[in-house]
Amino acid sequence: MKSAMRTLSSLIGRRPLQAAAWLVLIIGAALLVNAFGVRLLGGIELWQAWLRDHASHLLIWRLLLYAGIGTGWWRVRQRLLARDPGHASRLRRAEIGAAVSIALLEASQWLAHG
């Protein structure tokens, strides 16, 4: 198994494999939370009602999460720019893309659930 992973790692590269592993981990955690919620409350309809009833709390949680990520990103950004200032425009485009993505995600949630 280790030799297969080493071969795959040499073909694809270490970073994409780590990113894929994190993605699988995050999606798996989300699926487990949803499955646990459905089972705990006794059905999908009750789970959806609970999510609707607690939408404001979940919004506050997401905003705090975004603030924490933003703070961490600001520190990483400072180090990246100190190391290589030539990437400032690329970083700015990535930051704008991330901010627009988050804004669209939150707007779609707001529009869908009014």
C-alpha atoms as a PDB file:
ATOM      1  CA  MET A   1       0.000   0.000   0.000  1.00  0.00           C
ATOM      2  CA  LYS A   2       2.836   2.388   0.842  1.00  0.00           C
ATOM      3  CA  SER A   3       4.514   1.818  -2.514  1.00  0.00           C
ATOM      4  CA  ALA A   4       1.236   2.576  -4.322  1.00  0.00           C
ATOM      5  CA  MET A   5       0.870   5.815  -2.365  1.00  0.00           C
ATOM      6  CA  ARG A   6       4.498   6.716  -3.074  1.00  0.00           C
ATOM      7  CA  THR A   7       3.970   6.080  -6.794  1.00  0.00           C
ATOM      8  CA  LEU A   8       0.737   8.104  -6.796  1.00  0.00           C
ATOM      9  CA  SER A   9       2.452  10.871  -4.849  1.00  0.00           C
ATOM     10  CA  SER A  10       5.317  11.006  -7.338  1.00  0.00           C
ATOM     11  CA  LEU A  11       2.902  11.150 -10.302  1.00  0.00           C
ATOM     12  CA  ILE A  12       0.481  13.743  -8.948  1.00  0.00           C
ATOM     13  CA  GLY A  13       2.563  15.614  -6.411  1.00  0.00           C
ATOM     14  CA  ARG A  14       2.289  15.964  -2.683  1.00  0.00           C
ATOM     15  CA  ARG A  15       0.182  19.164  -2.466  1.00  0.00           C
ATOM     16  CA  PRO A  16      -2.725  18.022  -4.650  1.00  0.00           C
ATOM     17  CA  LEU A  17      -2.916  14.771  -2.677  1.00  0.00           C
ATOM     18  CA  GLN A  18      -3.006  16.670   0.595  1.00  0.00           C
ATOM     19  CA  ALA A  19      -5.694  18.991  -0.763  1.00  0.00           C
ATOM     20  CA  ALA A  20      -7.750  16.008  -1.962  1.00  0.00           C
ATOM     21  CA  ALA A  21      -7.363  14.308   1.414  1.00  0.00           C
ATOM     22  CA  TRP A  22      -8.557  17.445   3.232  1.00  0.00           C
ATOM     23  CA  LEU A  23     -11.489  17.759   0.831  1.00  0.00           C
ATOM     24  CA  VAL A  24     -12.526  14.145   1.439  1.00  0.00           C
ATOM     25  CA  LEU A  25     -12.157  14.666   5.199  1.00  0.00           C
ATOM     26  CA  ILE A  26     -14.306  17.826   5.198  1.00  0.00           C
ATOM     27  CA  ILE A  27     -17.022  16.304   3.012  1.00  0.00           C
ATOM     28  CA  GLY A  28     -17.009  13.162   5.153  1.00  0.00           C
ATOM     29  CA  ALA A  29     -17.365  15.243   8.330  1.00  0.00           C
ATOM     30  CA  ALA A  30     -20.285  17.182   6.803  1.00  0.00           C
ATOM     31  CA  LEU A  31     -22.002  13.939   5.812  1.00  0.00           C
ATOM     32  CA  LEU A  32     -21.504  12.499   9.296  1.00  0.00           C
ATOM     33  CA  VAL A  33     -22.909  15.619  10.971  1.00  0.00           C
ATOM     34  CA  ASN A  34     -25.978  15.524   8.732  1.00  0.00           C
ATOM     35  CA  ALA A  35     -26.495  11.781   9.242  1.00  0.00           C
ATOM     36  CA  PHE A  36     -26.118  12.229  13.004  1.00  0.00           C
ATOM     37  CA  GLY A  37     -28.600  15.127  13.003  1.00  0.00           C
ATOM     38  CA  VAL A  38     -31.170  13.188  11.004  1.00  0.00           C
ATOM     39  CA  ARG A  39     -30.790  10.164  13.279  1.00  0.00           C
ATOM     40  CA  LEU A  40     -30.833  12.218  16.488  1.00  0.00           C
ATOM     41  CA  LEU A  41     -33.980  14.147  15.572  1.00  0.00           C
ATOM     42  CA  GLY A  42     -35.761  11.196  14.008  1.00  0.00           C
ATOM     43  CA  GLY A  43     -36.042  12.157  10.362  1.00  0.00           C
ATOM     44  CA  ILE A  44     -35.015  14.432   7.537  1.00  0.00           C
ATOM     45  CA  GLU A  45     -38.037  16.715   7.936  1.00  0.00           C
ATOM     46  CA  LEU A  46     -37.268  17.311  11.618  1.00  0.00           C
ATOM     47  CA  TRP A  47     -33.580  17.906  10.825  1.00  0.00           C
ATOM     48  CA  GLN A  48     -34.523  20.465   8.155  1.00  0.00           C
ATOM     49  CA  ALA A  49     -36.913  22.176  10.588  1.00  0.00           C
ATOM     50  CA  TRP A  50     -34.163  22.318  13.217  1.00  0.00           C
ATOM     51  CA  LEU A  51     -31.782  23.868  10.675  1.00  0.00           C
ATOM     52  CA  ARG A  52     -34.435  26.472   9.756  1.00  0.00           C
ATOM     53  CA  ASP A  53     -35.141  27.256  13.405  1.00  0.00           C
ATOM     54  CA  HIS A  54     -31.447  27.757  14.149  1.00  0.00           C
ATOM     55  CA  ALA A  55     -30.485  29.563  10.940  1.00  0.00           C
ATOM     56  CA  SER A  56     -29.522  32.764  12.768  1.00  0.00           C
ATOM     57  CA  HIS A  57     -27.231  30.864  15.141  1.00  0.00           C
ATOM     58  CA  LEU A  58     -25.630  29.078  12.217  1.00  0.00           C
ATOM     59  CA  LEU A  59     -25.141  32.407  10.415  1.00  0.00           C
ATOM     60  CA  ILE A  60     -23.332  33.808  13.464  1.00  0.00           C
ATOM     61  CA  TRP A  61     -21.184  30.649  13.556  1.00  0.00           C
ATOM     62  CA  ARG A  62     -20.285  31.033   9.874  1.00  0.00           C
ATOM     63  CA  LEU A  63     -19.442  34.731  10.313  1.00  0.00           C
ATOM     64  CA  LEU A  64     -17.149  33.899  13.237  1.00  0.00           C
ATOM     65  CA  LEU A  65     -15.581  31.145  11.167  1.00  0.00           C
ATOM     66  CA  TYR A  66     -15.011  33.568   8.262  1.00  0.00           C
ATOM     67  CA  ALA A  67     -13.462  36.085  10.677  1.00  0.00           C
ATOM     68  CA  GLY A  68     -11.091  33.427  12.037  1.00  0.00           C
ATOM     69  CA  ILE A  69     -10.104  32.319   8.551  1.00  0.00           C
ATOM     70  CA  GLY A  70      -9.606  35.947   7.532  1.00  0.00           C
ATOM     71  CA  THR A  71      -7.360  36.597  10.520  1.00  0.00           C
ATOM     72  CA  GLY A  72      -5.280  33.518   9.751  1.00  0.00           C
ATOM     73  CA  TRP A  73      -5.099  34.453   6.090  1.00  0.00           C
ATOM     74  CA  TRP A  74      -3.928  37.967   6.948  1.00  0.00           C
ATOM     75  CA  ARG A  75      -0.958  36.525   8.846  1.00  0.00           C
ATOM     76  CA  VAL A  76      -0.093  34.100   6.043  1.00  0.00           C
ATOM     77  CA  ARG A  77      -0.487  36.900   3.489  1.00  0.00           C
ATOM     78  CA  GLN A  78       2.009  39.102   5.330  1.00  0.00           C
ATOM     79  CA  ARG A  79       4.591  36.312   5.296  1.00  0.00           C
ATOM     80  CA  LEU A  80       3.980  35.547   1.620  1.00  0.00           C
ATOM     81  CA  LEU A  81       4.351  39.177   0.601  1.00  0.00           C
ATOM     82  CA  ALA A  82       7.485  39.591   2.727  1.00  0.00           C
ATOM     83  CA  ARG A  83       9.020  36.580   1.014  1.00  0.00           C
ATOM     84  CA  ASP A  84       7.947  37.478  -2.534  1.00  0.00           C
ATOM     85  CA  PRO A  85       6.298  40.882  -3.080  1.00  0.00           C
ATOM     86  CA  GLY A  86       5.887  40.159  -6.805  1.00  0.00           C
ATOM     87  CA  HIS A  87       2.836  37.992  -6.138  1.00  0.00           C
ATOM     88  CA  ALA A  88       0.710  40.790  -4.658  1.00  0.00           C
ATOM     89  CA  SER A  89      -1.576  41.073  -7.691  1.00  0.00           C
ATOM     90  CA  ARG A  90      -2.113  37.302  -7.856  1.00  0.00           C
ATOM     91  CA  LEU A  91      -2.921  37.223  -4.155  1.00  0.00           C
ATOM     92  CA  ARG A  92      -5.346  40.118  -4.580  1.00  0.00           C
ATOM     93  CA  ARG A  93      -7.189  38.258  -7.377  1.00  0.00           C
ATOM     94  CA  ALA A  94      -7.405  35.121  -5.248  1.00  0.00           C
ATOM     95  CA  GLU A  95      -8.699  37.134  -2.290  1.00  0.00           C
ATOM     96  CA  ILE A  96     -11.337  38.834  -4.418  1.00  0.00           C
ATOM     97  CA  GLY A  97     -12.381  35.468  -5.834  1.00  0.00           C
ATOM     98  CA  ALA A  98     -12.692  33.980  -2.345  1.00  0.00           C
ATOM     99  CA  ALA A  99     -14.674  36.975  -1.042  1.00  0.00           C
ATOM    100  CA  VAL A 100     -17.047  36.887  -4.035  1.00  0.00           C
ATOM    101  CA  SER A 101     -17.516  33.122  -3.618  1.00  0.00           C
ATOM    102  CA  ILE A 102     -18.385  33.483   0.062  1.00  0.00           C
ATOM    103  CA  ALA A 103     -20.718  36.399  -0.651  1.00  0.00           C
ATOM    104  CA  LEU A 104     -22.511  34.419  -3.382  1.00  0.00           C
ATOM    105  CA  LEU A 105     -22.802  31.375  -1.122  1.00  0.00           C
ATOM    106  CA  GLU A 106     -24.312  33.425   1.695  1.00  0.00           C
ATOM    107  CA  ALA A 107     -26.603  35.305  -0.718  1.00  0.00           C
ATOM    108  CA  SER A 108     -27.858  32.025  -2.177  1.00  0.00           C
ATOM    109  CA  GLN A 109     -28.571  30.760   1.341  1.00  0.00           C
ATOM    110  CA  TRP A 110     -30.417  33.953   2.213  1.00  0.00           C
ATOM    111  CA  LEU A 111     -32.465  33.904  -1.001  1.00  0.00           C
ATOM    112  CA  ALA A 112     -33.297  30.203  -0.692  1.00  0.00           C
ATOM    113  CA  HIS A 113     -34.467  30.463   2.907  1.00  0.00           C
ATOM    114  CA  GLY A 114     -35.598  34.079   2.901  1.00  0.00           C
END
